[in-house]
Protein backbone atom coordinates (compact mmCIF):
# COMPACT_ATOMS: atom_id res chain seq x y z
CA MET A 1 58.46 83.15 85.46
CA LEU A 2 59.77 80.93 88.24
CA ARG A 3 63.37 81.86 87.41
CA THR A 4 62.51 85.54 87.72
CA TRP A 5 60.98 85.05 91.16
CA ARG A 6 64.00 83.02 92.28
CA PHE A 7 66.31 85.76 91.09
CA VAL A 8 64.30 88.50 92.82
CA THR A 9 64.13 86.46 96.03
CA LEU A 10 67.88 85.82 96.03
CA LEU A 11 68.60 89.45 95.23
CA LEU A 12 66.41 90.75 98.04
CA GLY A 13 67.82 88.17 100.44
CA ALA A 14 71.38 89.17 99.63
CA LEU A 15 70.52 92.84 99.98
CA GLY A 16 68.89 92.20 103.35
CA LEU A 17 71.87 90.21 104.61
CA ALA A 18 74.30 92.91 103.45
CA LEU A 19 72.35 95.68 105.15
CA GLY A 20 71.96 93.62 108.31
CA THR A 21 75.68 92.89 108.45
CA ALA A 22 76.53 96.55 107.91
CA HIS A 23 74.19 97.51 110.74
CA VAL A 24 75.80 94.97 113.09
CA LEU A 25 79.26 96.30 112.24
CA GLU A 26 78.19 99.91 112.88
CA LEU A 27 76.62 99.18 116.25
CA PRO A 28 79.74 99.05 118.53
CA PRO A 29 81.10 102.46 117.42
CA LYS A 30 77.66 104.00 117.92
CA LYS A 31 77.60 102.76 121.51
CA SER A 32 81.04 104.19 122.33
CA THR A 33 81.48 107.54 124.00
CA PRO A 34 81.57 110.58 121.69
CA ALA A 35 84.94 111.71 123.07
CA ALA A 36 86.64 108.46 122.00
CA VAL A 37 85.53 108.68 118.38
CA PRO A 38 87.98 111.42 117.22
CA GLU A 39 90.95 109.56 118.77
CA VAL A 40 90.03 106.35 117.02
CA TYR A 41 89.43 108.23 113.77
CA LEU A 42 92.84 109.87 113.91
CA GLN A 43 94.51 106.51 114.51
CA LEU A 44 92.76 104.77 111.62
CA ARG A 45 92.62 107.62 109.10
CA THR A 46 95.97 106.87 107.45
CA ARG A 47 95.09 103.19 107.08
CA TRP A 48 91.78 104.10 105.44
CA GLU A 49 93.45 106.59 103.12
CA PHE A 50 96.05 104.03 102.05
CA GLY A 51 93.33 101.46 101.45
CA HIS A 52 91.36 103.86 99.28
CA VAL A 53 94.45 104.79 97.25
CA ALA A 54 95.39 101.13 96.77
CA ALA A 55 91.85 100.22 95.70
CA PHE A 56 91.75 103.15 93.27
CA ALA A 57 95.08 102.13 91.76
CA ALA A 58 93.89 98.54 91.31
CA TRP A 59 90.62 99.66 89.69
CA LEU A 60 92.47 102.11 87.44
CA VAL A 61 94.94 99.46 86.26
CA GLY A 62 92.13 96.99 85.65
CA PHE A 63 90.01 99.50 83.76
CA SER A 64 92.98 100.66 81.70
CA LEU A 65 93.81 97.07 80.74
CA LEU A 66 90.17 96.45 79.82
CA VAL A 67 90.05 99.54 77.60
CA LEU A 68 93.40 98.62 76.06
CA SER A 69 92.19 95.10 75.26
CA VAL A 70 89.08 96.50 73.57
CA LEU A 71 90.96 99.11 71.55
CA MET A 72 93.84 96.91 70.39
CA GLU A 73 93.48 95.57 66.90
CA THR A 74 93.27 91.80 66.79
CA PRO A 75 95.09 90.09 63.95
CA THR A 76 93.01 88.59 61.17
CA GLU A 77 93.76 85.43 59.22
CA GLN A 78 95.15 87.42 56.28
CA SER A 79 97.63 89.40 58.38
CA ARG A 80 99.14 86.21 59.85
CA ILE A 81 100.28 84.92 56.46
């Protein structure tokens, strides 16, 4: 029972820290002027798009290798002889 409460406490603590950090990172853009936001967005859009494509490619390669490793037939003792 104690392990469950520790796990729940750590999970809620991590979730709270993650949400708090995300809020702190969002605060400066929210305080900027509305006219400056589109300029900044246009400057950073290509970097964000490249990052999303690179992350997708990495996840796709990883998932494909995982599926391939599960589907490949592993040799048995009899087939090695």
